[in-house]
């Protein structure tokens, strides 16, 4: 059981990404949601999160939050009691992915952050939820809260991330690796790669769910996190 929990949102996401989890996990641990929009490198973002975090804590991150979780594990592994990696990848950016990030930032600077957010949304959820207006509104709301500058910082940090596959074996705390079965951005095979690289980790595949698993299947994800947090 961990007394403190740090949650790290994904790209263009805020604490609203974890709204359902906050409502339930907050009864079991003191929860802090990290803000990672003020720096443009994972190194600086992770350092700022560590400065604000308790001395010892459980750590969970989704997508970009997972990239930051890997960086925190490199910087301060002894402070992390347990780790949850949701819908993320241990791989570095490809040249094609980095080029697309620069294109999306340019689009945001020209037309506002809602423009890339609207373009990104269909690939962030299961295909059956691509026209879900409630989910779309939640994502667009988080994007607007992040803003153009925050988006640019986040994309620069993600594009410059290292290959975390090299350090998976060094992770020894209890670890949950969770992925939506229909995740289009970081598919199941990427989660399997992480789980296979971390000894003793547990892999959970959530059916009918895409990349934004905490919003698409809040009850199932909350149950998985509750079990991970208290085991």
Protein backbone atom coordinates (compact mmCIF):
# COMPACT_ATOMS: atom_id res chain seq x y z
CA UNK A 1 0.00 0.00 0.00
CA UNK A 2 1.31 3.45 -0.96
CA UNK A 3 0.24 6.57 0.93
CA UNK A 4 1.06 8.97 -1.91
CA UNK A 5 0.24 8.75 -5.62
CA UNK A 6 1.58 10.93 -8.42
CA UNK A 7 -0.40 10.88 -11.69
CA UNK A 8 1.12 12.23 -14.90
CA UNK A 9 -1.25 13.13 -17.78
CA UNK A 10 -0.60 12.62 -21.48
CA UNK A 11 -0.03 15.09 -24.30
CA UNK A 12 -2.58 17.93 -24.29
CA UNK A 13 -4.12 16.43 -21.16
CA UNK A 14 -4.70 17.79 -17.66
CA UNK A 15 -5.92 16.35 -14.38
CA UNK A 16 -9.31 15.88 -16.10
CA UNK A 17 -7.76 12.80 -17.75
CA UNK A 18 -7.90 11.17 -14.33
CA UNK A 19 -11.19 12.62 -13.07
CA UNK A 20 -12.77 9.24 -12.32
CA UNK A 21 -9.60 7.84 -10.79
CA UNK A 22 -9.15 10.91 -8.58
CA UNK A 23 -12.65 10.46 -7.22
CA UNK A 24 -11.91 6.93 -6.05
CA UNK A 25 -8.16 6.58 -5.52
CA UNK A 26 -8.08 9.79 -3.50
CA UNK A 27 -9.81 7.84 -0.73
CA UNK A 28 -6.80 5.51 -0.50
CA UNK A 29 -3.84 7.81 -1.08
CA UNK A 30 -2.91 11.49 -1.21
CA UNK A 31 -2.93 12.23 -4.94
CA UNK A 32 -0.88 14.79 -6.86
CA UNK A 33 -1.44 15.39 -10.59
CA UNK A 34 1.69 16.67 -12.32
CA UNK A 35 1.72 19.71 -14.61
CA UNK A 36 4.25 19.17 -17.39
CA UNK A 37 3.50 22.09 -19.70
CA UNK A 38 6.16 24.51 -18.44
CA UNK A 39 9.34 22.86 -19.74
CA UNK A 40 10.47 21.57 -23.13
CA UNK A 41 12.50 18.51 -22.14
CA UNK A 42 11.65 15.33 -20.26
CA UNK A 43 14.68 15.87 -18.04
CA UNK A 44 13.47 19.27 -16.84
CA UNK A 45 9.86 18.12 -16.56
CA UNK A 46 10.82 15.11 -14.45
CA UNK A 47 13.04 17.23 -12.20
CA UNK A 48 10.16 19.66 -11.59
CA UNK A 49 7.76 16.81 -10.80
CA UNK A 50 10.25 15.31 -8.36
CA UNK A 51 10.72 18.69 -6.67
CA UNK A 52 6.97 18.89 -6.05
CA UNK A 53 6.39 15.23 -5.16
CA UNK A 54 6.53 13.55 -1.74
CA UNK A 55 9.74 11.76 -0.78
CA UNK A 56 8.20 8.35 -1.59
CA UNK A 57 5.23 7.73 -3.86
CA UNK A 58 3.46 5.46 -6.31
CA UNK A 59 3.73 6.74 -9.88
CA UNK A 60 1.31 6.35 -12.79
CA UNK A 61 1.51 7.93 -16.24
CA UNK A 62 -0.49 7.64 -19.45
CA UNK A 63 1.15 8.04 -22.87
CA UNK A 64 3.48 11.05 -22.47
CA UNK A 65 3.01 10.49 -18.76
CA UNK A 66 4.64 7.12 -19.28
CA UNK A 67 7.62 8.70 -21.03
CA UNK A 68 8.02 10.96 -18.01
CA UNK A 69 7.62 8.04 -15.63
CA UNK A 70 10.57 6.32 -17.33
CA UNK A 71 12.62 9.51 -16.89
CA UNK A 72 11.68 9.74 -13.22
CA UNK A 73 12.75 6.11 -12.78
CA UNK A 74 16.12 7.05 -14.25
CA UNK A 75 16.51 10.12 -12.05
CA UNK A 76 15.16 8.87 -8.71
CA UNK A 77 14.28 5.15 -8.77
CA UNK A 78 14.42 4.77 -5.00
CA UNK A 79 11.64 7.32 -4.50
CA UNK A 80 9.12 5.32 -6.55
CA UNK A 81 7.37 2.59 -4.55
CA UNK A 82 5.34 1.22 -7.45
CA UNK A 83 4.85 2.08 -11.11
CA UNK A 84 1.87 2.03 -13.52
CA UNK A 85 2.46 2.59 -17.23
CA UNK A 86 -0.75 3.21 -19.18
CA UNK A 87 -1.03 3.25 -22.98
CA UNK A 88 2.59 4.19 -23.53
CA UNK A 89 5.76 3.07 -25.27
CA UNK A 90 9.38 2.61 -24.28
CA UNK A 91 10.55 3.41 -27.82
CA UNK A 92 12.01 6.74 -29.00
CA UNK A 93 10.31 8.91 -31.61
CA UNK A 94 10.79 8.03 -35.25
CA UNK A 95 11.79 10.75 -37.70
CA UNK A 96 8.30 10.60 -39.18
CA UNK A 97 6.68 11.03 -35.77
CA UNK A 98 8.92 13.98 -34.89
CA UNK A 99 8.16 15.66 -38.22
CA UNK A 100 4.44 15.25 -37.59
CA UNK A 101 4.82 16.79 -34.12
CA UNK A 102 6.45 19.86 -35.66
CA UNK A 103 3.60 20.08 -38.19
CA UNK A 104 0.98 19.92 -35.45
CA UNK A 105 2.72 22.62 -33.41
CA UNK A 106 2.86 24.86 -36.49
CA UNK A 107 -0.86 24.23 -36.99
CA UNK A 108 -1.55 25.19 -33.38
CA UNK A 109 0.48 28.38 -33.70
CA UNK A 110 -1.43 29.32 -36.83
CA UNK A 111 -4.99 28.26 -35.96
CA UNK A 112 -5.04 27.64 -32.21
CA UNK A 113 -4.56 24.49 -30.17
CA UNK A 114 -8.05 23.18 -30.92
CA UNK A 115 -7.06 22.62 -34.57
CA UNK A 116 -4.46 19.88 -33.91
CA UNK A 117 -6.56 18.52 -31.04
CA UNK A 118 -9.52 17.95 -33.39
CA UNK A 119 -7.22 16.25 -35.90
CA UNK A 120 -5.65 14.03 -33.24
CA UNK A 121 -8.81 12.92 -31.47
CA UNK A 122 -10.01 10.05 -33.71
CA UNK A 123 -6.74 8.16 -33.22
CA UNK A 124 -6.79 8.70 -29.47
CA UNK A 125 -9.86 6.56 -28.88
CA UNK A 126 -11.20 3.22 -30.04
CA UNK A 127 -12.58 3.40 -33.61
CA UNK A 128 -16.12 2.99 -32.27
CA UNK A 129 -15.68 6.13 -30.12
CA UNK A 130 -14.34 8.39 -32.87
CA UNK A 131 -17.65 10.26 -33.11
CA UNK A 132 -18.28 10.33 -29.34
CA UNK A 133 -18.98 14.03 -28.76
CA UNK A 134 -18.72 13.75 -24.99
CA UNK A 135 -15.23 12.30 -25.17
CA UNK A 136 -14.23 14.78 -27.86
CA UNK A 137 -15.41 17.70 -25.71
CA UNK A 138 -13.38 16.44 -22.74
CA UNK A 139 -10.24 16.18 -24.85
CA UNK A 140 -10.72 19.58 -26.48
CA UNK A 141 -11.29 21.12 -23.06
CA UNK A 142 -8.00 19.71 -21.80
CA UNK A 143 -6.24 20.90 -24.95
CA UNK A 144 -7.53 24.45 -24.51
CA UNK A 145 -6.36 24.40 -20.88
CA UNK A 146 -2.90 23.30 -22.00
CA UNK A 147 -2.60 26.04 -24.61
CA UNK A 148 -0.32 26.52 -27.61
CA UNK A 149 2.88 27.15 -25.63
CA UNK A 150 2.28 24.13 -23.41
CA UNK A 151 1.59 21.97 -26.47
CA UNK A 152 4.83 23.14 -28.11
CA UNK A 153 6.81 22.35 -24.94
CA UNK A 154 5.26 18.90 -24.68
CA UNK A 155 5.87 17.99 -28.31
CA UNK A 156 9.51 19.09 -28.10
CA UNK A 157 10.01 16.97 -24.99
CA UNK A 158 8.36 13.91 -26.52
CA UNK A 159 10.35 14.22 -29.75
CA UNK A 160 13.59 14.31 -27.78
CA UNK A 161 12.86 11.37 -25.52
CA UNK A 162 15.45 8.59 -25.22
CA UNK A 163 15.01 4.89 -25.90
CA UNK A 164 13.68 3.58 -22.58
CA UNK A 165 13.89 -0.06 -23.62
CA UNK A 166 17.52 0.05 -22.48
CA UNK A 167 16.54 0.73 -18.86
CA UNK A 168 13.47 -1.49 -18.44
CA UNK A 169 15.48 -4.23 -16.71
CA UNK A 170 16.56 -1.75 -14.02
CA UNK A 171 12.94 -1.27 -12.86
CA UNK A 172 12.36 -3.49 -9.83
CA UNK A 173 9.30 -2.00 -8.08
CA UNK A 174 5.82 -3.57 -8.49
CA UNK A 175 4.70 -2.52 -11.98
CA UNK A 176 1.39 -2.52 -13.84
CA UNK A 177 1.42 -2.15 -17.63
CA UNK A 178 -2.05 -1.35 -18.96
CA UNK A 179 -3.19 -0.81 -22.54
CA UNK A 180 -6.44 -0.46 -24.44
CA UNK A 181 -6.93 -3.41 -26.78
CA UNK A 182 -7.75 -0.97 -29.60
CA UNK A 183 -5.03 1.60 -28.85
CA UNK A 184 -3.96 2.95 -32.25
CA UNK A 185 -0.99 5.02 -31.06
CA UNK A 186 0.76 2.69 -28.61
CA UNK A 187 -0.74 -0.70 -29.45
CA UNK A 188 -0.76 -3.88 -27.39
CA UNK A 189 2.57 -5.11 -28.74
CA UNK A 190 4.30 -2.03 -27.30
CA UNK A 191 2.79 -2.74 -23.88
CA UNK A 192 3.87 -6.36 -24.16
CA UNK A 193 7.40 -5.18 -24.94
CA UNK A 194 7.44 -3.10 -21.76
CA UNK A 195 5.97 -5.88 -19.62
CA UNK A 196 8.48 -8.40 -20.94
CA UNK A 197 11.31 -6.00 -20.12
CA UNK A 198 10.29 -5.40 -16.49
CA UNK A 199 10.65 -8.51 -14.35
CA UNK A 200 7.53 -9.39 -12.36
CA UNK A 201 5.32 -6.75 -14.02
CA UNK A 202 1.64 -7.40 -14.71
CA UNK A 203 0.05 -6.71 -18.11
CA UNK A 204 -3.62 -5.70 -18.32
CA UNK A 205 -5.29 -5.39 -21.72
CA UNK A 206 -8.64 -3.56 -21.61
CA UNK A 207 -11.04 -4.70 -24.36
CA UNK A 208 -12.88 -2.22 -26.58
CA UNK A 209 -10.71 0.69 -25.48
CA UNK A 210 -8.24 2.98 -27.25
CA UNK A 211 -5.43 5.27 -26.11
CA UNK A 212 -7.40 7.39 -23.61
CA UNK A 213 -8.21 4.38 -21.44
CA UNK A 214 -8.85 6.34 -18.24
CA UNK A 215 -11.69 8.20 -19.97
CA UNK A 216 -12.98 5.40 -22.21
CA UNK A 217 -13.20 2.71 -19.52
CA UNK A 218 -12.91 4.59 -16.23
CA UNK A 219 -14.37 1.87 -14.02
CA UNK A 220 -12.09 -0.88 -15.34
CA UNK A 221 -8.97 1.28 -15.25
CA UNK A 222 -9.78 2.54 -11.76
CA UNK A 223 -10.20 -1.05 -10.57
CA UNK A 224 -6.84 -2.02 -12.06
CA UNK A 225 -5.13 0.96 -10.44
CA UNK A 226 -6.82 0.32 -7.09
CA UNK A 227 -5.54 -3.27 -7.12
CA UNK A 228 -2.05 -2.10 -8.14
CA UNK A 229 -1.99 0.61 -5.48
CA UNK A 230 -2.97 -1.68 -2.61
CA UNK A 231 -1.32 -4.98 -3.54
